[in-house]
Protein backbone atom coordinates (compact mmCIF):
# COMPACT_ATOMS: atom_id res chain seq x y z
CA UNK A 1 0.04 -1.33 -32.72
CA UNK A 2 -0.07 1.18 -35.56
CA UNK A 3 2.94 3.28 -36.46
CA UNK A 4 1.98 6.74 -37.77
CA UNK A 5 2.61 7.27 -41.47
CA UNK A 6 6.01 8.74 -42.17
CA UNK A 7 7.25 8.36 -38.59
CA UNK A 8 10.74 6.87 -38.22
CA UNK A 9 11.14 3.61 -36.35
CA UNK A 10 13.60 3.33 -33.51
CA UNK A 11 16.66 1.32 -34.50
CA UNK A 12 15.71 -2.21 -33.36
CA UNK A 13 19.23 -3.40 -32.50
CA UNK A 14 20.79 -3.34 -29.04
CA UNK A 15 21.80 0.30 -29.15
CA UNK A 16 20.45 3.28 -30.98
CA UNK A 17 19.51 6.92 -30.77
CA UNK A 18 16.91 9.00 -32.48
CA UNK A 19 15.17 12.34 -32.29
CA UNK A 20 11.42 12.17 -31.76
CA UNK A 21 9.28 15.01 -33.07
CA UNK A 22 6.76 15.92 -30.38
CA UNK A 23 4.14 18.61 -30.64
CA UNK A 24 6.11 20.97 -28.41
CA UNK A 25 9.67 20.25 -29.53
CA UNK A 26 12.08 17.58 -30.72
CA UNK A 27 13.40 15.24 -28.03
CA UNK A 28 16.62 13.26 -28.33
CA UNK A 29 16.38 9.64 -27.12
CA UNK A 30 19.14 7.07 -26.60
CA UNK A 31 18.62 3.34 -25.95
CA UNK A 32 21.08 0.65 -24.84
CA UNK A 33 20.65 -3.03 -23.97
CA UNK A 34 18.23 -5.73 -25.06
CA UNK A 35 14.82 -4.53 -26.15
CA UNK A 36 13.16 -7.52 -24.44
CA UNK A 37 14.70 -6.62 -21.05
CA UNK A 38 12.85 -4.63 -18.36
CA UNK A 39 12.89 -0.91 -19.12
CA UNK A 40 14.96 1.47 -17.00
CA UNK A 41 14.53 5.17 -17.75
CA UNK A 42 17.32 7.55 -16.66
CA UNK A 43 16.50 11.25 -16.25
CA UNK A 44 19.37 13.74 -15.98
CA UNK A 45 19.58 16.84 -13.82
CA UNK A 46 20.18 20.54 -14.51
CA UNK A 47 23.18 21.74 -16.53
CA UNK A 48 23.41 18.26 -17.99
CA UNK A 49 21.99 15.78 -20.48
CA UNK A 50 21.66 12.06 -21.15
CA UNK A 51 25.46 11.97 -21.42
CA UNK A 52 25.77 12.39 -17.65
CA UNK A 53 24.81 8.70 -17.36
CA UNK A 54 27.43 7.45 -19.85
CA UNK A 55 29.72 5.85 -17.27
CA UNK A 56 26.83 4.10 -15.51
CA UNK A 57 25.03 2.70 -18.55
CA UNK A 58 27.43 -0.19 -19.31
CA UNK A 59 26.84 -1.49 -15.78
CA UNK A 60 23.06 -1.58 -16.35
CA UNK A 61 22.60 -3.00 -19.84
CA UNK A 62 23.19 -6.62 -18.84
CA UNK A 63 19.75 -6.70 -17.23
CA UNK A 64 17.88 -3.68 -18.60
CA UNK A 65 16.72 -1.88 -21.67
CA UNK A 66 18.22 1.47 -20.69
CA UNK A 67 16.44 4.54 -22.05
CA UNK A 68 17.78 8.09 -21.73
CA UNK A 69 16.37 11.38 -22.92
CA UNK A 70 17.66 14.89 -23.25
CA UNK A 71 14.97 16.94 -21.56
CA UNK A 72 13.65 19.95 -23.45
CA UNK A 73 16.25 22.71 -23.27
CA UNK A 74 19.15 20.31 -22.79
CA UNK A 75 21.65 18.43 -24.92
CA UNK A 76 20.45 17.57 -28.38
CA UNK A 77 16.77 18.34 -27.73
CA UNK A 78 14.95 21.49 -28.81
CA UNK A 79 15.45 24.70 -26.86
CA UNK A 80 12.38 26.88 -27.42
CA UNK A 81 12.47 30.33 -25.88
CA UNK A 82 8.83 30.55 -24.86
CA UNK A 83 7.46 27.33 -23.37
CA UNK A 84 7.76 23.85 -21.99
CA UNK A 85 10.10 23.95 -19.00
CA UNK A 86 7.93 23.35 -15.94
CA UNK A 87 8.59 20.08 -14.14
CA UNK A 88 5.14 18.64 -14.94
CA UNK A 89 5.59 19.56 -18.61
CA UNK A 90 8.96 17.83 -18.74
CA UNK A 91 7.43 14.76 -17.11
CA UNK A 92 4.48 14.66 -19.49
CA UNK A 93 6.88 14.82 -22.41
CA UNK A 94 8.94 11.92 -21.04
CA UNK A 95 5.76 9.88 -20.72
CA UNK A 96 4.97 10.54 -24.38
CA UNK A 97 8.46 9.35 -25.32
CA UNK A 98 7.93 6.07 -23.47
CA UNK A 99 4.56 5.65 -25.18
CA UNK A 100 6.17 6.18 -28.56
CA UNK A 101 8.79 3.55 -27.71
CA UNK A 102 6.10 1.04 -26.80
CA UNK A 103 7.11 0.92 -23.12
CA UNK A 104 4.26 -0.02 -20.80
CA UNK A 105 6.19 -0.18 -17.51
CA UNK A 106 9.55 1.24 -16.44
CA UNK A 107 11.66 1.78 -13.37
CA UNK A 108 12.47 5.49 -13.48
CA UNK A 109 15.70 6.86 -12.02
CA UNK A 110 16.36 10.58 -11.75
CA UNK A 111 19.51 12.42 -10.71
CA UNK A 112 19.24 15.73 -8.84
CA UNK A 113 16.41 17.77 -10.42
CA UNK A 114 15.77 14.77 -12.69
CA UNK A 115 14.34 13.12 -9.58
CA UNK A 116 11.65 15.80 -9.47
CA UNK A 117 10.79 15.04 -13.10
CA UNK A 118 10.66 11.32 -12.25
CA UNK A 119 8.32 12.07 -9.34
CA UNK A 120 6.04 14.18 -11.54
CA UNK A 121 5.92 11.36 -14.09
CA UNK A 122 4.87 8.91 -11.37
CA UNK A 123 2.14 11.32 -10.29
CA UNK A 124 0.84 11.71 -13.83
CA UNK A 125 1.31 8.12 -15.01
CA UNK A 126 1.32 5.74 -12.01
CA UNK A 127 0.56 2.78 -14.26
CA UNK A 128 3.66 3.49 -16.33
CA UNK A 129 6.14 3.89 -13.45
CA UNK A 130 6.71 0.60 -11.64
CA UNK A 131 9.32 1.96 -9.19
CA UNK A 132 11.42 5.08 -8.56
CA UNK A 133 15.09 5.73 -7.85
CA UNK A 134 16.10 9.24 -6.74
CA UNK A 135 19.83 10.01 -6.75
CA UNK A 136 20.91 13.08 -4.76
CA UNK A 137 17.48 14.62 -5.15
CA UNK A 138 16.69 16.86 -2.22
CA UNK A 139 13.23 16.16 -0.79
CA UNK A 140 12.39 19.83 -0.26
CA UNK A 141 13.80 23.32 -0.68
CA UNK A 142 15.09 23.14 2.89
CA UNK A 143 17.47 20.38 1.82
CA UNK A 144 19.52 22.63 -0.43
CA UNK A 145 22.57 24.61 0.54
CA UNK A 146 24.01 27.46 -1.47
CA UNK A 147 27.81 27.29 -1.44
CA UNK A 148 29.56 30.36 -2.83
CA UNK A 149 29.98 30.15 -6.58
CA UNK A 150 30.55 32.82 -9.21
CA UNK A 151 27.42 33.99 -10.96
CA UNK A 152 27.09 33.79 -14.71
CA UNK A 153 25.23 36.65 -16.40
CA UNK A 154 23.54 36.79 -19.81
CA UNK A 155 26.36 39.03 -21.04
CA UNK A 156 28.87 36.27 -20.22
CA UNK A 157 26.99 33.59 -22.15
CA UNK A 158 28.26 31.20 -23.34
CA UNK A 159 30.76 31.04 -20.47
CA UNK A 160 34.38 30.00 -20.73
CA UNK A 161 35.42 26.54 -19.54
CA UNK A 162 36.93 27.83 -16.31
CA UNK A 163 33.76 29.77 -15.49
CA UNK A 164 31.69 26.62 -15.93
CA UNK A 165 34.11 24.62 -13.78
CA UNK A 166 33.88 27.15 -10.93
CA UNK A 167 30.10 27.40 -11.25
CA UNK A 168 29.62 23.60 -11.22
CA UNK A 169 32.33 22.76 -8.66
CA UNK A 170 29.89 22.27 -5.73
CA UNK A 171 28.32 19.42 -7.71
CA UNK A 172 31.41 17.31 -6.95
CA UNK A 173 33.06 16.67 -3.60
CA UNK A 174 35.87 14.24 -4.21
CA UNK A 175 39.20 16.02 -3.82
CA UNK A 176 40.76 16.56 -7.22
CA UNK A 177 37.74 15.32 -9.14
CA UNK A 178 37.89 16.92 -12.55
CA UNK A 179 34.61 17.90 -14.15
CA UNK A 180 34.41 15.97 -17.44
CA UNK A 181 34.77 17.94 -20.65
CA UNK A 182 31.47 16.39 -21.78
CA UNK A 183 29.70 18.29 -19.00
CA UNK A 184 31.25 21.54 -20.12
CA UNK A 185 30.04 20.83 -23.64
CA UNK A 186 26.50 20.16 -22.42
CA UNK A 187 26.32 23.43 -20.50
CA UNK A 188 27.46 25.29 -23.59
CA UNK A 189 24.65 23.77 -25.67
CA UNK A 190 22.09 25.40 -23.39
CA UNK A 191 20.92 28.97 -23.72
CA UNK A 192 20.97 31.28 -20.72
CA UNK A 193 17.18 31.19 -20.78
CA UNK A 194 16.92 27.40 -20.75
CA UNK A 195 19.51 27.14 -17.96
CA UNK A 196 17.81 29.58 -15.62
CA UNK A 197 14.24 28.59 -16.49
CA UNK A 198 14.76 24.87 -15.97
CA UNK A 199 16.48 25.44 -12.62
CA UNK A 200 13.65 27.74 -11.49
CA UNK A 201 11.10 25.12 -12.55
CA UNK A 202 12.42 22.67 -9.95
CA UNK A 203 12.19 25.35 -7.27
CA UNK A 204 8.56 26.05 -8.14
CA UNK A 205 7.69 22.35 -8.11
CA UNK A 206 9.20 21.87 -4.64
CA UNK A 207 7.48 25.02 -3.37
CA UNK A 208 4.10 23.48 -4.15
CA UNK A 209 4.71 20.22 -2.24
CA UNK A 210 7.72 18.28 -1.02
CA UNK A 211 8.68 15.13 -2.87
CA UNK A 212 8.00 12.80 0.10
CA UNK A 213 4.53 14.30 0.42
CA UNK A 214 3.91 13.63 -3.27
CA UNK A 215 5.31 10.08 -3.10
CA UNK A 216 3.83 8.79 0.13
CA UNK A 217 0.39 8.15 -1.38
CA UNK A 218 1.53 6.78 -4.75
CA UNK A 219 2.35 3.29 -3.50
CA UNK A 220 5.44 2.94 -5.69
CA UNK A 221 8.65 1.28 -4.44
CA UNK A 222 11.27 3.95 -3.77
CA UNK A 223 15.06 3.87 -3.50
CA UNK A 224 16.92 7.02 -2.49
CA UNK A 225 20.67 7.12 -3.14
CA UNK A 226 22.67 10.02 -1.73
CA UNK A 227 26.36 10.85 -1.89
CA UNK A 228 27.04 11.53 1.77
CA UNK A 229 29.39 14.46 1.06
CA UNK A 230 26.97 16.35 -1.18
CA UNK A 231 27.73 20.07 -1.16
CA UNK A 232 24.52 21.11 -2.90
CA UNK A 233 22.05 19.27 -0.72
CA UNK A 234 22.31 18.03 2.85
CA UNK A 235 22.64 14.25 2.75
CA UNK A 236 20.90 14.11 6.14
CA UNK A 237 17.77 15.34 4.34
CA UNK A 238 17.47 11.91 2.69
CA UNK A 239 15.91 10.73 5.95
CA UNK A 240 12.88 12.81 4.98
CA UNK A 241 11.96 10.14 2.44
CA UNK A 242 11.42 7.57 5.19
CA UNK A 243 7.84 8.81 5.53
CA UNK A 244 7.19 7.09 2.19
CA UNK A 245 6.02 3.55 3.00
CA UNK A 246 8.75 1.01 2.22
CA UNK A 247 11.30 3.60 1.07
CA UNK A 248 14.95 2.52 1.13
CA UNK A 249 17.70 5.08 1.72
CA UNK A 250 21.31 4.35 0.75
CA UNK A 251 24.10 6.79 1.69
CA UNK A 252 27.41 6.58 -0.18
CA UNK A 253 30.30 7.86 1.97
CA UNK A 254 32.99 9.87 0.24
CA UNK A 255 30.83 10.78 -2.73
CA UNK A 256 29.16 14.08 -3.53
CA UNK A 257 26.26 15.39 -5.53
CA UNK A 258 26.96 13.34 -8.64
CA UNK A 259 27.81 9.75 -7.68
CA UNK A 260 26.81 8.57 -11.15
CA UNK A 261 30.03 10.23 -12.36
CA UNK A 262 32.17 10.09 -9.24
CA UNK A 263 31.83 6.33 -8.69
CA UNK A 264 29.51 4.55 -11.15
CA UNK A 265 30.15 1.07 -9.70
CA UNK A 266 29.14 2.04 -6.16
CA UNK A 267 26.08 3.81 -7.51
CA UNK A 268 25.05 0.89 -9.71
CA UNK A 269 25.20 -1.70 -6.91
CA UNK A 270 22.15 -0.54 -4.88
CA UNK A 271 20.33 0.51 -8.04
CA UNK A 272 20.64 -2.96 -9.60
CA UNK A 273 19.69 -4.72 -6.37
CA UNK A 274 16.55 -2.59 -6.25
CA UNK A 275 15.60 -3.03 -9.90
CA UNK A 276 16.13 -6.79 -9.66
CA UNK A 277 13.27 -6.79 -7.19
CA UNK A 278 10.96 -4.28 -8.82
CA UNK A 279 11.62 -4.19 -12.57
CA UNK A 280 8.76 -5.36 -14.79
CA UNK A 281 9.48 -7.41 -17.88
CA UNK A 282 7.81 -5.86 -20.94
CA UNK A 283 4.68 -7.37 -22.44
CA UNK A 284 5.64 -6.29 -25.94
CA UNK A 285 8.78 -5.26 -27.78
CA UNK A 286 7.43 -3.34 -30.78
CA UNK A 287 8.68 0.25 -30.83
CA UNK A 288 6.43 3.03 -31.99
CA UNK A 289 7.73 6.49 -32.70
């Protein structure tokens, strides 16, 4: 496979990060694990970045080539003010990243709104996505609840730490769980425009069609993991995914909207059992960027 002139290669060792220059913005990519292992793509949710998976990654690298991206508008990726934030656009961009890395098949896991991006990628590139894992991703707009939280206005941007903590508190349900400083840092890297636009993009995507309706005809294995005490989305809504043929639903008692941070080990257990059954070993290991 030909590598474009002047394009940087991805670091070929077990771990590495790079920024890929795409036509519509630079995208930060991080890889961990053996390059000859089955690919597992992790897609973060709103107000977050690839760093939200940090605690989970070490539990996955023994059997997977773990790939994370900062979606446009998040983390270390570009934050244009005029384009690129719809869910299908984010998904298309992720597909380009996998192409540039030489990945032909991947299990794709998305947390919260990242599950909508994962679903859109499966719609666009069914040959690329071998299976899907949705973690606390509400199946429809009806699944979401709106607990009281202080609003943040453009005039208050960037917000103070305590404002961010109060705004994000419903994302965690364990008593005394302290929102990691890394999350506060990631929110601060966003602009007010990228924060509000990316959140609205998920709403528009779910307005068009529910996720189960999109997934039921794709024929891709599906695992749904839900923290049972989610305060942003009703965990009972996870049953809506059962209309997808063969879908598995795993509820995690005592955990909230972000089990990947609240209890990585309990989150990794069903995920690894699922990927052991559905992951596809790569046909090639040459990276193209």
